[in-house]
């Protein structure tokens, strides 16, 4: 079975490019804001805060670029935007990727639904293929992993 990680393609590239643009754009704005020395109202702290906002936006986008899912012996390690967790193979009840959802949804035996943001509709046919690969991997692991 293919144990390659699940990593988004299009969303990852866009997040990295946008993070770089954010740092450059907010940095440029911070430098160009009129300071007290030229009759403006922007002090050094204000300019630093504008640049800091650009860094904060970039940090969030970098976190988005790092989402993924990694098959492991004990389960599927899922890193979404804010939460990382291990989903044991035997706890996975269903894999869904329909109804216009932006990413794969995993239904757990306990009734909880977990998004797998690494498999995205934005990746088109590649996203569908990755969802199918995940479903096959779960089925295989559930057959070979003891309860």
C-alpha atoms as a PDB file:
ATOM      1  CA  UNK A   1       0.000   0.000   0.000  1.00  0.00           C
ATOM      2  CA  UNK A   2       1.227   3.512  -0.793  1.00  0.00           C
ATOM      3  CA  UNK A   3       2.166   5.173   2.514  1.00  0.00           C
ATOM      4  CA  UNK A   4       3.164   8.480   0.913  1.00  0.00           C
ATOM      5  CA  UNK A   5       2.008  11.542   2.865  1.00  0.00           C
ATOM      6  CA  UNK A   6      -1.060  13.492   1.807  1.00  0.00           C
ATOM      7  CA  UNK A   7       0.046  17.054   1.030  1.00  0.00           C
ATOM      8  CA  UNK A   8      -2.094  19.691  -0.734  1.00  0.00           C
ATOM      9  CA  UNK A   9      -0.679  21.071  -3.972  1.00  0.00           C
ATOM     10  CA  UNK A  10      -2.424  24.260  -5.043  1.00  0.00           C
ATOM     11  CA  UNK A  11      -3.275  25.583  -1.561  1.00  0.00           C
ATOM     12  CA  UNK A  12       0.292  25.037  -0.356  1.00  0.00           C
ATOM     13  CA  UNK A  13       1.835  26.972  -3.252  1.00  0.00           C
ATOM     14  CA  UNK A  14      -0.650  29.818  -2.923  1.00  0.00           C
ATOM     15  CA  UNK A  15      -0.102  30.070   0.834  1.00  0.00           C
ATOM     16  CA  UNK A  16       3.678  30.314   0.458  1.00  0.00           C
ATOM     17  CA  UNK A  17       3.480  32.906  -2.320  1.00  0.00           C
ATOM     18  CA  UNK A  18       0.922  34.964  -0.400  1.00  0.00           C
ATOM     19  CA  UNK A  19       3.032  34.805   2.789  1.00  0.00           C
ATOM     20  CA  UNK A  20       6.018  36.225   0.919  1.00  0.00           C
ATOM     21  CA  UNK A  21       3.867  38.943  -0.642  1.00  0.00           C
ATOM     22  CA  UNK A  22       2.461  39.799   2.794  1.00  0.00           C
ATOM     23  CA  UNK A  23       5.897  40.333   4.333  1.00  0.00           C
ATOM     24  CA  UNK A  24       7.122  42.435   1.404  1.00  0.00           C
ATOM     25  CA  UNK A  25       3.922  44.479   1.064  1.00  0.00           C
ATOM     26  CA  UNK A  26       3.479  45.253   4.765  1.00  0.00           C
ATOM     27  CA  UNK A  27       7.209  45.967   5.058  1.00  0.00           C
ATOM     28  CA  UNK A  28       7.015  48.401   2.151  1.00  0.00           C
ATOM     29  CA  UNK A  29       3.935  50.088   3.608  1.00  0.00           C
ATOM     30  CA  UNK A  30       5.658  50.418   6.996  1.00  0.00           C
ATOM     31  CA  UNK A  31       8.699  52.063   5.394  1.00  0.00           C
ATOM     32  CA  UNK A  32       6.629  54.433   3.239  1.00  0.00           C
ATOM     33  CA  UNK A  33       4.245  55.632   5.967  1.00  0.00           C
ATOM     34  CA  UNK A  34       4.929  59.314   6.674  1.00  0.00           C
ATOM     35  CA  UNK A  35       6.755  59.640   9.981  1.00  0.00           C
ATOM     36  CA  UNK A  36       6.822  62.491  12.477  1.00  0.00           C
ATOM     37  CA  UNK A  37       9.973  63.874  10.820  1.00  0.00           C
ATOM     38  CA  UNK A  38       8.024  64.741   7.622  1.00  0.00           C
ATOM     39  CA  UNK A  39       4.838  65.936   9.284  1.00  0.00           C
ATOM     40  CA  UNK A  40       3.102  62.570   9.316  1.00  0.00           C
ATOM     41  CA  UNK A  41       1.349  60.823  12.196  1.00  0.00           C
ATOM     42  CA  UNK A  42       3.203  57.469  12.058  1.00  0.00           C
ATOM     43  CA  UNK A  43       5.830  56.847  14.688  1.00  0.00           C
ATOM     44  CA  UNK A  44       8.380  54.015  14.805  1.00  0.00           C
ATOM     45  CA  UNK A  45       6.088  51.868  16.985  1.00  0.00           C
ATOM     46  CA  UNK A  46       3.207  52.323  14.518  1.00  0.00           C
ATOM     47  CA  UNK A  47       5.425  51.300  11.623  1.00  0.00           C
ATOM     48  CA  UNK A  48       6.691  48.306  13.549  1.00  0.00           C
ATOM     49  CA  UNK A  49       3.119  47.240  14.285  1.00  0.00           C
ATOM     50  CA  UNK A  50       2.188  47.462  10.581  1.00  0.00           C
ATOM     51  CA  UNK A  51       5.171  45.270   9.716  1.00  0.00           C
ATOM     52  CA  UNK A  52       4.272  42.931  12.599  1.00  0.00           C
ATOM     53  CA  UNK A  53       0.783  42.540  11.153  1.00  0.00           C
ATOM     54  CA  UNK A  54       2.348  41.434   7.868  1.00  0.00           C
ATOM     55  CA  UNK A  55       4.486  38.904   9.766  1.00  0.00           C
ATOM     56  CA  UNK A  56       1.410  37.598  11.617  1.00  0.00           C
ATOM     57  CA  UNK A  57      -0.475  37.102   8.345  1.00  0.00           C
ATOM     58  CA  UNK A  58       2.580  35.346   6.880  1.00  0.00           C
ATOM     59  CA  UNK A  59       2.863  33.074   9.953  1.00  0.00           C
ATOM     60  CA  UNK A  60      -0.764  31.966   9.560  1.00  0.00           C
ATOM     61  CA  UNK A  61      -0.216  31.286   5.865  1.00  0.00           C
ATOM     62  CA  UNK A  62       2.936  29.277   6.593  1.00  0.00           C
ATOM     63  CA  UNK A  63       0.942  27.200   9.066  1.00  0.00           C
ATOM     64  CA  UNK A  64      -1.602  26.593   6.305  1.00  0.00           C
ATOM     65  CA  UNK A  65       1.217  25.536   3.965  1.00  0.00           C
ATOM     66  CA  UNK A  66       2.288  22.913   6.539  1.00  0.00           C
ATOM     67  CA  UNK A  67      -1.016  21.024   6.701  1.00  0.00           C
ATOM     68  CA  UNK A  68      -0.824  17.362   5.788  1.00  0.00           C
ATOM     69  CA  UNK A  69      -1.677  13.794   6.738  1.00  0.00           C
ATOM     70  CA  UNK A  70       0.854  11.035   7.317  1.00  0.00           C
ATOM     71  CA  UNK A  71       0.015   7.320   7.449  1.00  0.00           C
ATOM     72  CA  UNK A  72       1.713   5.636  10.405  1.00  0.00           C
ATOM     73  CA  UNK A  73       1.565   2.125  11.833  1.00  0.00           C
ATOM     74  CA  UNK A  74      -0.875   3.137  14.582  1.00  0.00           C
ATOM     75  CA  UNK A  75      -3.079   5.469  12.538  1.00  0.00           C
ATOM     76  CA  UNK A  76      -3.329   8.563  10.365  1.00  0.00           C
ATOM     77  CA  UNK A  77      -1.504  11.632  11.744  1.00  0.00           C
ATOM     78  CA  UNK A  78      -3.502  14.689  10.603  1.00  0.00           C
ATOM     79  CA  UNK A  79      -2.160  18.241  10.867  1.00  0.00           C
ATOM     80  CA  UNK A  80      -4.815  20.826  10.066  1.00  0.00           C
ATOM     81  CA  UNK A  81      -4.550  24.581  10.475  1.00  0.00           C
ATOM     82  CA  UNK A  82      -4.813  24.663  14.260  1.00  0.00           C
ATOM     83  CA  UNK A  83      -4.935  21.070  15.498  1.00  0.00           C
ATOM     84  CA  UNK A  84      -2.788  17.972  14.965  1.00  0.00           C
ATOM     85  CA  UNK A  85      -4.068  14.550  15.978  1.00  0.00           C
ATOM     86  CA  UNK A  86      -3.600  10.845  15.457  1.00  0.00           C
ATOM     87  CA  UNK A  87      -6.635   8.947  14.183  1.00  0.00           C
ATOM     88  CA  UNK A  88      -6.266   5.216  14.922  1.00  0.00           C
ATOM     89  CA  UNK A  89      -7.141   3.091  11.885  1.00  0.00           C
ATOM     90  CA  UNK A  90      -9.838   1.147  13.735  1.00  0.00           C
ATOM     91  CA  UNK A  91     -11.561   4.396  14.839  1.00  0.00           C
ATOM     92  CA  UNK A  92     -12.176   5.531  11.243  1.00  0.00           C
ATOM     93  CA  UNK A  93     -15.695   4.666  10.116  1.00  0.00           C
ATOM     94  CA  UNK A  94     -16.073   6.516   6.809  1.00  0.00           C
ATOM     95  CA  UNK A  95     -14.230   8.786   4.365  1.00  0.00           C
ATOM     96  CA  UNK A  96     -16.314  11.471   2.607  1.00  0.00           C
ATOM     97  CA  UNK A  97     -15.320  13.840  -0.194  1.00  0.00           C
ATOM     98  CA  UNK A  98     -18.586  14.872  -1.767  1.00  0.00           C
ATOM     99  CA  UNK A  99     -21.310  17.425  -1.522  1.00  0.00           C
ATOM    100  CA  UNK A 100     -19.055  20.357  -2.357  1.00  0.00           C
ATOM    101  CA  UNK A 101     -16.966  20.023   0.799  1.00  0.00           C
ATOM    102  CA  UNK A 102     -13.587  21.758   0.383  1.00  0.00           C
ATOM    103  CA  UNK A 103     -11.642  18.834   1.862  1.00  0.00           C
ATOM    104  CA  UNK A 104     -11.992  15.218   2.944  1.00  0.00           C
ATOM    105  CA  UNK A 105     -14.111  14.494   6.013  1.00  0.00           C
ATOM    106  CA  UNK A 106     -13.420  11.461   8.197  1.00  0.00           C
ATOM    107  CA  UNK A 107     -16.255  10.098  10.322  1.00  0.00           C
ATOM    108  CA  UNK A 108     -15.033   8.377  13.476  1.00  0.00           C
ATOM    109  CA  UNK A 109     -16.722   5.479  15.265  1.00  0.00           C
ATOM    110  CA  UNK A 110     -17.352   7.773  18.259  1.00  0.00           C
ATOM    111  CA  UNK A 111     -19.531  10.050  16.084  1.00  0.00           C
ATOM    112  CA  UNK A 112     -16.985  12.840  15.588  1.00  0.00           C
ATOM    113  CA  UNK A 113     -16.142  14.218  12.136  1.00  0.00           C
ATOM    114  CA  UNK A 114     -12.582  15.341  11.402  1.00  0.00           C
ATOM    115  CA  UNK A 115     -11.531  17.367   8.369  1.00  0.00           C
ATOM    116  CA  UNK A 116      -8.399  16.325   6.516  1.00  0.00           C
ATOM    117  CA  UNK A 117      -7.425  19.662   5.001  1.00  0.00           C
ATOM    118  CA  UNK A 118      -4.500  18.044   3.173  1.00  0.00           C
ATOM    119  CA  UNK A 119      -6.844  16.506   0.584  1.00  0.00           C
ATOM    120  CA  UNK A 120      -8.528  19.460  -1.071  1.00  0.00           C
ATOM    121  CA  UNK A 121     -11.126  19.952  -3.762  1.00  0.00           C
ATOM    122  CA  UNK A 122      -8.952  22.810  -5.102  1.00  0.00           C
ATOM    123  CA  UNK A 123      -6.483  20.161  -6.315  1.00  0.00           C
ATOM    124  CA  UNK A 124      -9.099  18.878  -8.771  1.00  0.00           C
ATOM    125  CA  UNK A 125      -8.591  15.357 -10.061  1.00  0.00           C
ATOM    126  CA  UNK A 126      -5.474  14.970  -7.902  1.00  0.00           C
ATOM    127  CA  UNK A 127      -7.604  15.664  -4.813  1.00  0.00           C
ATOM    128  CA  UNK A 128     -10.125  13.019  -5.873  1.00  0.00           C
ATOM    129  CA  UNK A 129      -7.311  10.523  -6.479  1.00  0.00           C
ATOM    130  CA  UNK A 130      -5.824  11.274  -3.056  1.00  0.00           C
ATOM    131  CA  UNK A 131      -9.221  10.790  -1.376  1.00  0.00           C
ATOM    132  CA  UNK A 132      -9.545   7.421  -3.103  1.00  0.00           C
ATOM    133  CA  UNK A 133      -6.011   6.465  -2.026  1.00  0.00           C
ATOM    134  CA  UNK A 134      -6.863   7.381   1.572  1.00  0.00           C
ATOM    135  CA  UNK A 135     -10.043   5.265   1.485  1.00  0.00           C
ATOM    136  CA  UNK A 136      -8.064   2.301   0.135  1.00  0.00           C
ATOM    137  CA  UNK A 137      -5.337   2.795   2.731  1.00  0.00           C
ATOM    138  CA  UNK A 138      -7.874   2.896   5.584  1.00  0.00           C
ATOM    139  CA  UNK A 139      -9.574  -0.270   4.311  1.00  0.00           C
ATOM    140  CA  UNK A 140      -6.226  -2.066   4.026  1.00  0.00           C
ATOM    141  CA  UNK A 141      -5.039  -0.967   7.467  1.00  0.00           C
ATOM    142  CA  UNK A 142      -8.317  -1.922   9.092  1.00  0.00           C
ATOM    143  CA  UNK A 143      -7.983  -5.442   7.656  1.00  0.00           C
ATOM    144  CA  UNK A 144      -4.363  -5.852   8.832  1.00  0.00           C
ATOM    145  CA  UNK A 145      -4.355  -3.930  12.146  1.00  0.00           C
ATOM    146  CA  UNK A 146      -5.510  -5.823  15.240  1.00  0.00           C
ATOM    147  CA  UNK A 147      -8.556  -4.400  17.063  1.00  0.00           C
END
